[in-house]
């Protein structure tokens, strides 16, 4: 976990959500996640976090923290199936050699074996990216996500970006020429 990179993403949106992931029937806390509302990264190497210490973790003054969305909640049900370790049947997403800069984001297209494209904000890869990382597509009730793995372990979950219609039209036009 690269906390400084997560901190930077959260600061850009003034949002930090602490998700608690509990195991089945016992309800034991098994993992915590930090999120900027778009990407989420597992917490490692820190004691159990609480909503009350998120501001301190992010280096915020009390006055700054009042302006932010800082909250702790249980991991949403639609994400429970996407937080498991890498499965042998999952195939990696293919990274494109090109990216698109739009609305202050560098969007990276990733293809799955069926040719479906996920657009991911490259900045959200930084907290979990390494040269050996593998990205796979996972489906959730709220749409596809890119799961980032370091070895067999999940290092991040990134919600796909929805491209504005005018940008999609322009990309089609460029591809048709």
N, C-alpha and C. Protein backbone atom coordinates (compact mmCIF):
# COMPACT_ATOMS: atom_id res chain seq x y z
N UNK A 1 0.85 -1.18 0.00
CA UNK A 1 0.00 0.00 0.00
C UNK A 1 0.89 1.24 0.00
N UNK A 2 0.66 2.11 -0.94
CA UNK A 2 1.42 3.36 -1.04
C UNK A 2 0.52 4.48 -0.51
N UNK A 3 0.58 4.69 0.79
CA UNK A 3 -0.33 5.60 1.47
C UNK A 3 -0.27 7.02 0.92
N UNK A 4 0.91 7.52 0.59
CA UNK A 4 1.01 8.89 0.07
C UNK A 4 0.26 9.06 -1.24
N UNK A 5 0.26 8.04 -2.07
CA UNK A 5 -0.47 8.12 -3.35
C UNK A 5 -1.98 8.05 -3.13
N UNK A 6 -2.41 7.25 -2.16
CA UNK A 6 -3.84 7.20 -1.81
C UNK A 6 -4.26 8.54 -1.22
N UNK A 7 -3.43 9.08 -0.34
CA UNK A 7 -3.69 10.37 0.28
C UNK A 7 -3.88 11.45 -0.79
N UNK A 8 -3.03 11.45 -1.81
CA UNK A 8 -3.10 12.44 -2.89
C UNK A 8 -4.43 12.34 -3.66
N UNK A 9 -4.86 11.12 -3.95
CA UNK A 9 -6.13 10.92 -4.66
C UNK A 9 -7.32 11.35 -3.81
N UNK A 10 -7.28 11.02 -2.53
CA UNK A 10 -8.36 11.43 -1.62
C UNK A 10 -8.40 12.96 -1.49
N UNK A 11 -7.24 13.58 -1.41
CA UNK A 11 -7.18 15.04 -1.27
C UNK A 11 -7.77 15.74 -2.50
N UNK A 12 -7.57 15.18 -3.67
CA UNK A 12 -8.09 15.78 -4.90
C UNK A 12 -9.62 15.83 -4.89
N UNK A 13 -10.26 14.86 -4.26
CA UNK A 13 -11.72 14.81 -4.20
C UNK A 13 -12.28 15.25 -2.84
N UNK A 14 -11.39 15.44 -1.86
CA UNK A 14 -11.78 15.74 -0.48
C UNK A 14 -12.75 14.69 0.04
N UNK A 15 -12.42 13.43 -0.28
CA UNK A 15 -13.22 12.29 0.13
C UNK A 15 -12.29 11.17 0.58
N UNK A 16 -12.60 10.55 1.70
CA UNK A 16 -11.92 9.32 2.11
C UNK A 16 -12.93 8.45 2.84
N UNK A 17 -13.16 7.28 2.26
CA UNK A 17 -14.10 6.33 2.85
C UNK A 17 -13.29 5.13 3.33
N UNK A 18 -13.52 4.76 4.56
CA UNK A 18 -12.90 3.57 5.14
C UNK A 18 -13.94 2.45 5.09
N UNK A 19 -13.66 1.44 4.28
CA UNK A 19 -14.56 0.30 4.19
C UNK A 19 -14.05 -0.83 5.08
N UNK A 20 -14.94 -1.40 5.86
CA UNK A 20 -14.63 -2.56 6.70
C UNK A 20 -15.21 -3.79 6.02
N UNK A 21 -14.36 -4.78 5.79
CA UNK A 21 -14.80 -6.04 5.18
C UNK A 21 -14.83 -7.11 6.26
N UNK A 22 -16.01 -7.71 6.45
CA UNK A 22 -16.21 -8.71 7.48
C UNK A 22 -16.36 -10.08 6.85
N UNK A 23 -15.93 -11.12 7.59
CA UNK A 23 -16.08 -12.49 7.11
C UNK A 23 -17.49 -12.97 7.39
N UNK A 24 -17.91 -13.96 6.67
CA UNK A 24 -19.21 -14.60 6.75
C UNK A 24 -20.01 -14.42 8.02
N UNK A 25 -20.35 -15.53 8.65
CA UNK A 25 -21.29 -15.53 9.77
C UNK A 25 -20.70 -14.98 11.06
N UNK A 26 -19.39 -15.12 11.26
CA UNK A 26 -18.79 -14.64 12.51
C UNK A 26 -18.77 -13.12 12.58
N UNK A 27 -18.76 -12.46 11.44
CA UNK A 27 -18.70 -11.01 11.43
C UNK A 27 -17.36 -10.46 11.88
N UNK A 28 -16.29 -11.22 11.68
CA UNK A 28 -14.95 -10.79 12.07
C UNK A 28 -14.38 -9.85 11.00
N UNK A 29 -13.77 -8.77 11.44
CA UNK A 29 -13.12 -7.86 10.51
C UNK A 29 -11.93 -8.56 9.87
N UNK A 30 -11.95 -8.70 8.54
CA UNK A 30 -10.85 -9.39 7.86
C UNK A 30 -9.93 -8.44 7.10
N UNK A 31 -10.48 -7.30 6.68
CA UNK A 31 -9.65 -6.36 5.93
C UNK A 31 -10.35 -5.01 5.91
N UNK A 32 -9.53 -3.96 5.83
CA UNK A 32 -10.06 -2.61 5.67
C UNK A 32 -9.54 -2.05 4.34
N UNK A 33 -10.32 -1.15 3.76
CA UNK A 33 -10.00 -0.54 2.49
C UNK A 33 -10.10 0.97 2.62
N UNK A 34 -9.22 1.70 1.92
CA UNK A 34 -9.34 3.15 1.80
C UNK A 34 -9.83 3.45 0.39
N UNK A 35 -10.75 4.42 0.28
CA UNK A 35 -11.32 4.75 -1.02
C UNK A 35 -11.46 6.25 -1.19
N UNK A 36 -11.28 6.68 -2.43
CA UNK A 36 -11.57 8.07 -2.79
C UNK A 36 -12.94 8.17 -3.47
N UNK A 37 -13.71 7.10 -3.44
CA UNK A 37 -15.02 7.07 -4.07
C UNK A 37 -14.98 6.47 -5.47
N UNK A 38 -13.78 6.27 -6.02
CA UNK A 38 -13.64 5.69 -7.36
C UNK A 38 -12.78 4.43 -7.30
N UNK A 39 -11.63 4.54 -6.64
CA UNK A 39 -10.76 3.38 -6.45
C UNK A 39 -10.76 3.01 -4.98
N UNK A 40 -10.34 1.78 -4.69
CA UNK A 40 -10.18 1.39 -3.28
C UNK A 40 -8.98 0.46 -3.17
N UNK A 41 -8.27 0.63 -2.06
CA UNK A 41 -7.01 -0.06 -1.85
C UNK A 41 -7.00 -0.65 -0.45
N UNK A 42 -6.54 -1.92 -0.31
CA UNK A 42 -6.52 -2.54 1.01
C UNK A 42 -5.51 -1.87 1.94
N UNK A 43 -5.89 -1.76 3.19
CA UNK A 43 -5.00 -1.19 4.21
C UNK A 43 -4.08 -2.31 4.69
N UNK A 44 -2.79 -2.04 4.72
CA UNK A 44 -1.86 -3.03 5.26
C UNK A 44 -0.78 -2.32 6.06
N UNK A 45 -0.28 -2.98 7.09
CA UNK A 45 0.80 -2.43 7.90
C UNK A 45 0.37 -1.35 8.86
N UNK A 46 -0.93 -1.20 9.09
CA UNK A 46 -1.44 -0.20 10.04
C UNK A 46 -2.35 -0.88 11.04
N UNK A 47 -2.48 -0.30 12.24
CA UNK A 47 -3.46 -0.85 13.18
C UNK A 47 -4.87 -0.62 12.62
N UNK A 48 -5.85 -1.26 13.22
CA UNK A 48 -7.23 -1.08 12.77
C UNK A 48 -7.60 0.41 12.80
N UNK A 49 -8.14 0.88 11.70
CA UNK A 49 -8.51 2.29 11.58
C UNK A 49 -9.97 2.50 11.97
N UNK A 50 -10.27 3.73 12.34
CA UNK A 50 -11.63 4.16 12.66
C UNK A 50 -11.88 5.48 11.94
N UNK A 51 -13.14 5.81 11.74
CA UNK A 51 -13.49 7.07 11.09
C UNK A 51 -12.85 8.26 11.82
N UNK A 52 -12.78 8.18 13.13
CA UNK A 52 -12.26 9.28 13.93
C UNK A 52 -10.77 9.55 13.69
N UNK A 53 -10.01 8.59 13.15
CA UNK A 53 -8.59 8.88 12.90
C UNK A 53 -8.24 9.00 11.43
N UNK A 54 -9.25 9.08 10.54
CA UNK A 54 -8.96 9.27 9.11
C UNK A 54 -8.30 10.61 8.83
N UNK A 55 -8.78 11.66 9.47
CA UNK A 55 -8.20 12.99 9.27
C UNK A 55 -6.72 13.02 9.62
N UNK A 56 -6.37 12.40 10.73
CA UNK A 56 -4.97 12.33 11.15
C UNK A 56 -4.15 11.52 10.16
N UNK A 57 -4.68 10.39 9.72
CA UNK A 57 -4.00 9.55 8.74
C UNK A 57 -3.69 10.32 7.46
N UNK A 58 -4.61 11.21 7.07
CA UNK A 58 -4.45 11.98 5.84
C UNK A 58 -3.67 13.27 6.04
N UNK A 59 -3.31 13.57 7.28
CA UNK A 59 -2.55 14.78 7.57
C UNK A 59 -3.40 16.04 7.53
N UNK A 60 -4.68 15.93 7.85
CA UNK A 60 -5.58 17.08 7.80
C UNK A 60 -5.66 17.78 9.15
N UNK A 61 -5.81 19.08 9.11
CA UNK A 61 -6.11 19.82 10.33
C UNK A 61 -7.60 19.60 10.63
N UNK A 62 -8.03 19.95 11.84
CA UNK A 62 -9.45 19.81 12.19
C UNK A 62 -10.32 20.63 11.25
N UNK A 63 -9.86 21.83 10.92
CA UNK A 63 -10.62 22.72 10.04
C UNK A 63 -10.74 22.11 8.63
N UNK A 64 -9.65 21.55 8.12
CA UNK A 64 -9.69 20.90 6.81
C UNK A 64 -10.63 19.70 6.84
N UNK A 65 -10.54 18.90 7.89
CA UNK A 65 -11.35 17.68 8.00
C UNK A 65 -12.84 17.99 8.00
N UNK A 66 -13.24 19.16 8.50
CA UNK A 66 -14.65 19.54 8.52
C UNK A 66 -15.20 19.70 7.12
N UNK A 67 -14.36 20.03 6.15
CA UNK A 67 -14.80 20.25 4.77
C UNK A 67 -14.84 18.96 3.94
N UNK A 68 -14.25 17.93 4.46
CA UNK A 68 -14.14 16.66 3.74
C UNK A 68 -15.31 15.72 4.04
N UNK A 69 -15.46 14.74 3.15
CA UNK A 69 -16.32 13.59 3.42
C UNK A 69 -15.40 12.52 3.97
N UNK A 70 -15.49 12.27 5.27
CA UNK A 70 -14.71 11.24 5.95
C UNK A 70 -15.70 10.32 6.63
N UNK A 71 -15.74 9.07 6.20
CA UNK A 71 -16.69 8.17 6.84
C UNK A 71 -16.19 6.73 6.81
N UNK A 72 -16.75 5.95 7.70
CA UNK A 72 -16.44 4.52 7.80
C UNK A 72 -17.75 3.77 7.59
N UNK A 73 -17.70 2.74 6.75
CA UNK A 73 -18.89 1.94 6.53
C UNK A 73 -18.50 0.52 6.14
N UNK A 74 -19.46 -0.35 6.21
CA UNK A 74 -19.21 -1.73 5.82
C UNK A 74 -19.05 -1.79 4.30
N UNK A 75 -18.16 -2.67 3.85
CA UNK A 75 -17.96 -2.85 2.42
C UNK A 75 -19.30 -3.14 1.76
N UNK A 76 -19.66 -2.37 0.73
CA UNK A 76 -20.96 -2.59 0.09
C UNK A 76 -21.09 -4.01 -0.44
N UNK A 77 -22.30 -4.55 -0.33
CA UNK A 77 -22.56 -5.92 -0.72
C UNK A 77 -22.17 -6.23 -2.16
N UNK A 78 -22.34 -5.27 -3.07
CA UNK A 78 -22.03 -5.55 -4.48
C UNK A 78 -20.53 -5.73 -4.72
N UNK A 79 -19.69 -5.37 -3.75
CA UNK A 79 -18.24 -5.54 -3.91
C UNK A 79 -17.71 -6.81 -3.25
N UNK A 80 -18.52 -7.48 -2.44
CA UNK A 80 -18.01 -8.66 -1.71
C UNK A 80 -17.42 -9.71 -2.64
N UNK A 81 -18.03 -9.97 -3.77
CA UNK A 81 -17.52 -10.98 -4.67
C UNK A 81 -16.27 -10.57 -5.42
N UNK A 82 -15.92 -9.30 -5.37
CA UNK A 82 -14.77 -8.82 -6.15
C UNK A 82 -13.51 -8.66 -5.30
N UNK A 83 -13.56 -8.99 -4.01
CA UNK A 83 -12.41 -8.75 -3.14
C UNK A 83 -11.57 -10.01 -2.90
N UNK A 84 -11.88 -11.09 -3.58
CA UNK A 84 -11.12 -12.33 -3.39
C UNK A 84 -9.79 -12.31 -4.12
N UNK A 85 -8.97 -13.29 -3.81
CA UNK A 85 -7.66 -13.41 -4.45
C UNK A 85 -7.81 -13.86 -5.89
N UNK A 86 -6.73 -13.75 -6.64
CA UNK A 86 -6.72 -14.10 -8.06
C UNK A 86 -7.07 -15.56 -8.24
N UNK A 87 -8.00 -15.82 -9.14
CA UNK A 87 -8.43 -17.18 -9.44
C UNK A 87 -7.74 -17.66 -10.71
N UNK A 88 -7.50 -18.96 -10.80
CA UNK A 88 -6.76 -19.52 -11.94
C UNK A 88 -7.51 -19.32 -13.26
N UNK A 89 -8.83 -19.21 -13.23
CA UNK A 89 -9.61 -19.06 -14.46
C UNK A 89 -9.66 -17.62 -14.97
N UNK A 90 -9.22 -16.67 -14.15
CA UNK A 90 -9.29 -15.27 -14.56
C UNK A 90 -8.16 -14.94 -15.54
N UNK A 91 -8.51 -14.18 -16.57
CA UNK A 91 -7.50 -13.81 -17.56
C UNK A 91 -7.17 -12.33 -17.42
N UNK A 92 -5.91 -11.99 -17.60
CA UNK A 92 -5.50 -10.59 -17.47
C UNK A 92 -6.11 -9.68 -18.53
N UNK A 93 -6.30 -8.44 -18.16
CA UNK A 93 -6.69 -7.41 -19.13
C UNK A 93 -5.45 -7.01 -19.91
N UNK A 94 -5.64 -6.66 -21.16
CA UNK A 94 -4.53 -6.21 -21.99
C UNK A 94 -4.48 -4.69 -21.96
N UNK A 95 -3.29 -4.19 -21.70
CA UNK A 95 -3.09 -2.75 -21.63
C UNK A 95 -2.77 -2.21 -23.02
N UNK A 96 -3.35 -1.09 -23.36
CA UNK A 96 -3.10 -0.45 -24.66
C UNK A 96 -1.80 0.33 -24.63
N UNK A 97 -1.24 0.57 -25.80
CA UNK A 97 -0.04 1.42 -25.90
C UNK A 97 -0.43 2.89 -25.93
N UNK A 98 -1.71 3.17 -26.08
CA UNK A 98 -2.15 4.56 -26.11
C UNK A 98 -3.02 4.85 -24.90
N UNK A 99 -3.18 6.13 -24.63
CA UNK A 99 -4.10 6.58 -23.60
C UNK A 99 -4.75 7.85 -24.10
N UNK A 100 -5.80 8.28 -23.44
CA UNK A 100 -6.55 9.47 -23.84
C UNK A 100 -6.54 10.44 -22.67
N UNK A 101 -6.15 11.68 -22.93
CA UNK A 101 -6.20 12.72 -21.90
C UNK A 101 -7.50 13.49 -22.08
N UNK A 102 -8.34 13.45 -21.06
CA UNK A 102 -9.63 14.14 -21.13
C UNK A 102 -10.04 14.57 -19.73
N UNK A 103 -10.54 15.79 -19.62
CA UNK A 103 -11.05 16.32 -18.35
C UNK A 103 -10.05 16.17 -17.22
N UNK A 104 -8.77 16.38 -17.50
CA UNK A 104 -7.74 16.33 -16.48
C UNK A 104 -7.34 14.93 -16.05
N UNK A 105 -7.80 13.92 -16.77
CA UNK A 105 -7.45 12.54 -16.45
C UNK A 105 -6.72 11.92 -17.63
N UNK A 106 -5.80 11.00 -17.31
CA UNK A 106 -5.21 10.17 -18.35
C UNK A 106 -5.93 8.83 -18.29
N UNK A 107 -6.76 8.59 -19.28
CA UNK A 107 -7.58 7.38 -19.31
C UNK A 107 -6.88 6.30 -20.12
N UNK A 108 -6.77 5.14 -19.51
CA UNK A 108 -6.08 4.01 -20.10
C UNK A 108 -7.11 2.95 -20.49
N UNK A 109 -7.16 2.57 -21.78
CA UNK A 109 -8.09 1.50 -22.17
C UNK A 109 -7.48 0.13 -21.89
N UNK A 110 -8.28 -0.74 -21.30
CA UNK A 110 -7.87 -2.11 -21.00
C UNK A 110 -8.88 -3.06 -21.65
N UNK A 111 -8.39 -4.08 -22.38
CA UNK A 111 -9.26 -5.01 -23.08
C UNK A 111 -9.28 -6.35 -22.38
N UNK A 112 -10.47 -6.98 -22.35
CA UNK A 112 -10.53 -8.36 -21.88
C UNK A 112 -10.56 -9.29 -23.10
N UNK A 113 -10.61 -10.59 -22.86
CA UNK A 113 -10.51 -11.54 -23.97
C UNK A 113 -11.72 -11.50 -24.91
N UNK A 114 -12.85 -10.94 -24.45
CA UNK A 114 -14.02 -10.79 -25.32
C UNK A 114 -13.98 -9.48 -26.10
N UNK A 115 -12.94 -8.68 -25.92
CA UNK A 115 -12.82 -7.41 -26.63
C UNK A 115 -13.54 -6.25 -25.96
N UNK A 116 -14.06 -6.46 -24.75
CA UNK A 116 -14.72 -5.36 -24.03
C UNK A 116 -13.65 -4.46 -23.43
N UNK A 117 -13.90 -3.16 -23.48
CA UNK A 117 -12.92 -2.18 -23.01
C UNK A 117 -13.36 -1.58 -21.68
N UNK A 118 -12.41 -1.51 -20.75
CA UNK A 118 -12.59 -0.75 -19.50
C UNK A 118 -11.65 0.45 -19.59
N UNK A 119 -12.16 1.62 -19.30
CA UNK A 119 -11.32 2.82 -19.23
C UNK A 119 -11.01 3.09 -17.77
N UNK A 120 -9.72 3.17 -17.45
CA UNK A 120 -9.26 3.37 -16.08
C UNK A 120 -8.43 4.65 -16.01
N UNK A 121 -8.65 5.44 -14.96
CA UNK A 121 -7.83 6.62 -14.72
C UNK A 121 -6.46 6.14 -14.24
N UNK A 122 -5.42 6.45 -15.01
CA UNK A 122 -4.08 5.96 -14.70
C UNK A 122 -3.62 6.36 -13.29
N UNK A 123 -4.03 7.53 -12.80
CA UNK A 123 -3.62 7.99 -11.46
C UNK A 123 -4.08 7.01 -10.38
N UNK A 124 -5.21 6.35 -10.58
CA UNK A 124 -5.72 5.42 -9.57
C UNK A 124 -4.97 4.10 -9.56
N UNK A 125 -4.19 3.85 -10.58
CA UNK A 125 -3.33 2.66 -10.59
C UNK A 125 -2.09 2.86 -9.70
N UNK A 126 -1.66 4.10 -9.53
CA UNK A 126 -0.39 4.37 -8.85
C UNK A 126 -0.27 3.77 -7.44
N UNK A 127 -1.33 3.80 -6.60
CA UNK A 127 -1.16 3.22 -5.26
C UNK A 127 -0.94 1.71 -5.26
N UNK A 128 -1.25 1.04 -6.35
CA UNK A 128 -1.18 -0.42 -6.33
C UNK A 128 -0.38 -0.99 -7.51
N UNK A 129 0.23 -0.13 -8.30
CA UNK A 129 0.90 -0.58 -9.51
C UNK A 129 2.36 -0.94 -9.27
N UNK A 130 2.79 -2.01 -9.93
CA UNK A 130 4.19 -2.37 -10.00
C UNK A 130 4.39 -3.04 -11.36
N UNK A 131 5.62 -3.28 -11.71
CA UNK A 131 5.91 -3.92 -13.00
C UNK A 131 5.35 -5.33 -13.09
N UNK A 132 5.10 -5.96 -11.95
CA UNK A 132 4.59 -7.33 -11.96
C UNK A 132 3.08 -7.41 -11.70
N UNK A 133 2.42 -6.27 -11.59
CA UNK A 133 0.98 -6.25 -11.32
C UNK A 133 0.20 -6.82 -12.51
N UNK A 134 -0.92 -7.44 -12.18
CA UNK A 134 -1.83 -8.00 -13.19
C UNK A 134 -3.21 -7.41 -12.95
N UNK A 135 -3.88 -7.01 -14.03
CA UNK A 135 -5.23 -6.47 -13.92
C UNK A 135 -6.21 -7.46 -14.53
N UNK A 136 -7.33 -7.70 -13.87
CA UNK A 136 -8.39 -8.55 -14.40
C UNK A 136 -9.72 -7.84 -14.27
N UNK A 137 -10.63 -8.17 -15.16
CA UNK A 137 -11.99 -7.62 -15.12
C UNK A 137 -12.82 -8.46 -14.16
N UNK A 138 -13.55 -7.76 -13.29
CA UNK A 138 -14.51 -8.43 -12.42
C UNK A 138 -15.84 -7.67 -12.54
N UNK A 139 -16.91 -8.44 -12.50
CA UNK A 139 -18.24 -7.85 -12.60
C UNK A 139 -18.82 -7.64 -11.21
N UNK A 140 -19.44 -6.49 -11.01
CA UNK A 140 -20.16 -6.22 -9.77
C UNK A 140 -21.57 -5.81 -10.15
N UNK A 141 -22.46 -5.74 -9.19
CA UNK A 141 -23.84 -5.31 -9.45
C UNK A 141 -23.89 -3.90 -10.02
N UNK A 142 -22.90 -3.08 -9.70
CA UNK A 142 -22.90 -1.70 -10.19
C UNK A 142 -22.04 -1.51 -11.43
N UNK A 143 -21.56 -2.60 -12.03
CA UNK A 143 -20.78 -2.51 -13.25
C UNK A 143 -19.40 -3.12 -13.10
N UNK A 144 -18.66 -3.14 -14.20
CA UNK A 144 -17.33 -3.78 -14.18
C UNK A 144 -16.31 -2.95 -13.41
N UNK A 145 -15.34 -3.66 -12.84
CA UNK A 145 -14.20 -3.03 -12.18
C UNK A 145 -12.93 -3.72 -12.66
N UNK A 146 -11.82 -3.03 -12.52
CA UNK A 146 -10.51 -3.64 -12.76
C UNK A 146 -9.93 -3.99 -11.40
N UNK A 147 -9.66 -5.25 -11.21
CA UNK A 147 -9.01 -5.71 -9.97
C UNK A 147 -7.51 -5.81 -10.26
N UNK A 148 -6.71 -5.20 -9.41
CA UNK A 148 -5.26 -5.16 -9.59
C UNK A 148 -4.63 -6.13 -8.60
N UNK A 149 -3.82 -7.04 -9.12
CA UNK A 149 -3.19 -8.06 -8.28
C UNK A 149 -1.68 -7.91 -8.29
N UNK A 150 -1.11 -8.08 -7.13
CA UNK A 150 0.34 -8.19 -6.98
C UNK A 150 0.57 -9.63 -6.55
N UNK A 151 1.06 -10.43 -7.47
CA UNK A 151 1.11 -11.87 -7.22
C UNK A 151 -0.31 -12.38 -7.18
N UNK A 152 -0.65 -13.15 -6.16
CA UNK A 152 -2.00 -13.68 -6.03
C UNK A 152 -2.90 -12.78 -5.19
N UNK A 153 -2.35 -11.70 -4.65
CA UNK A 153 -3.08 -10.89 -3.69
C UNK A 153 -3.63 -9.61 -4.31
N UNK A 154 -4.84 -9.28 -3.92
CA UNK A 154 -5.54 -8.11 -4.42
C UNK A 154 -4.91 -6.84 -3.87
N UNK A 155 -4.51 -5.94 -4.77
CA UNK A 155 -3.85 -4.69 -4.37
C UNK A 155 -4.72 -3.46 -4.60
N UNK A 156 -5.82 -3.62 -5.33
CA UNK A 156 -6.70 -2.48 -5.58
C UNK A 156 -7.88 -2.88 -6.44
N UNK A 157 -8.97 -2.11 -6.31
CA UNK A 157 -10.14 -2.27 -7.15
C UNK A 157 -10.47 -0.90 -7.70
N UNK A 158 -10.55 -0.81 -9.03
CA UNK A 158 -10.75 0.48 -9.69
C UNK A 158 -12.03 0.45 -10.52
N UNK A 159 -12.93 1.36 -10.23
CA UNK A 159 -14.17 1.47 -11.00
C UNK A 159 -13.84 1.99 -12.39
N UNK A 160 -14.46 1.42 -13.38
CA UNK A 160 -14.26 1.87 -14.76
C UNK A 160 -14.86 3.27 -14.92
N UNK A 161 -14.17 4.08 -15.70
CA UNK A 161 -14.66 5.42 -16.01
C UNK A 161 -15.66 5.32 -17.16
N UNK A 162 -16.70 6.13 -17.12
CA UNK A 162 -17.66 6.20 -18.21
C UNK A 162 -17.28 7.40 -19.07
N UNK A 163 -16.98 7.11 -20.33
CA UNK A 163 -16.58 8.19 -21.23
C UNK A 163 -17.79 9.01 -21.65
N UNK A 164 -17.67 10.33 -21.67
CA UNK A 164 -18.77 11.17 -22.15
C UNK A 164 -19.07 10.84 -23.62
N UNK A 165 -20.31 10.98 -24.00
CA UNK A 165 -20.74 10.64 -25.36
C UNK A 165 -19.94 11.40 -26.41
N UNK A 166 -19.64 12.69 -26.20
CA UNK A 166 -18.90 13.44 -27.21
C UNK A 166 -17.48 12.89 -27.39
N UNK A 167 -16.86 12.42 -26.32
CA UNK A 167 -15.53 11.82 -26.43
C UNK A 167 -15.61 10.48 -27.15
N UNK A 168 -16.62 9.67 -26.84
CA UNK A 168 -16.77 8.39 -27.55
C UNK A 168 -16.99 8.61 -29.04
N UNK A 169 -17.81 9.60 -29.37
CA UNK A 169 -18.07 9.92 -30.79
C UNK A 169 -16.78 10.35 -31.48
N UNK A 170 -16.01 11.20 -30.81
CA UNK A 170 -14.76 11.68 -31.40
C UNK A 170 -13.76 10.52 -31.59
N UNK A 171 -13.67 9.63 -30.63
CA UNK A 171 -12.79 8.47 -30.78
C UNK A 171 -13.22 7.57 -31.93
N UNK A 172 -14.54 7.38 -32.11
CA UNK A 172 -15.04 6.61 -33.26
C UNK A 172 -14.68 7.30 -34.57
N UNK A 173 -14.83 8.63 -34.60
CA UNK A 173 -14.52 9.38 -35.81
C UNK A 173 -13.04 9.26 -36.17
N UNK A 174 -12.16 9.37 -35.18
CA UNK A 174 -10.72 9.25 -35.42
C UNK A 174 -10.40 7.85 -35.92
N UNK A 175 -11.00 6.83 -35.32
CA UNK A 175 -10.74 5.46 -35.73
C UNK A 175 -11.25 5.15 -37.13
N UNK A 176 -12.28 5.86 -37.58
CA UNK A 176 -12.86 5.63 -38.90
C UNK A 176 -12.05 6.29 -40.02
N UNK A 177 -11.15 7.18 -39.71
CA UNK A 177 -10.39 7.91 -40.76
C UNK A 177 -9.16 7.17 -41.18
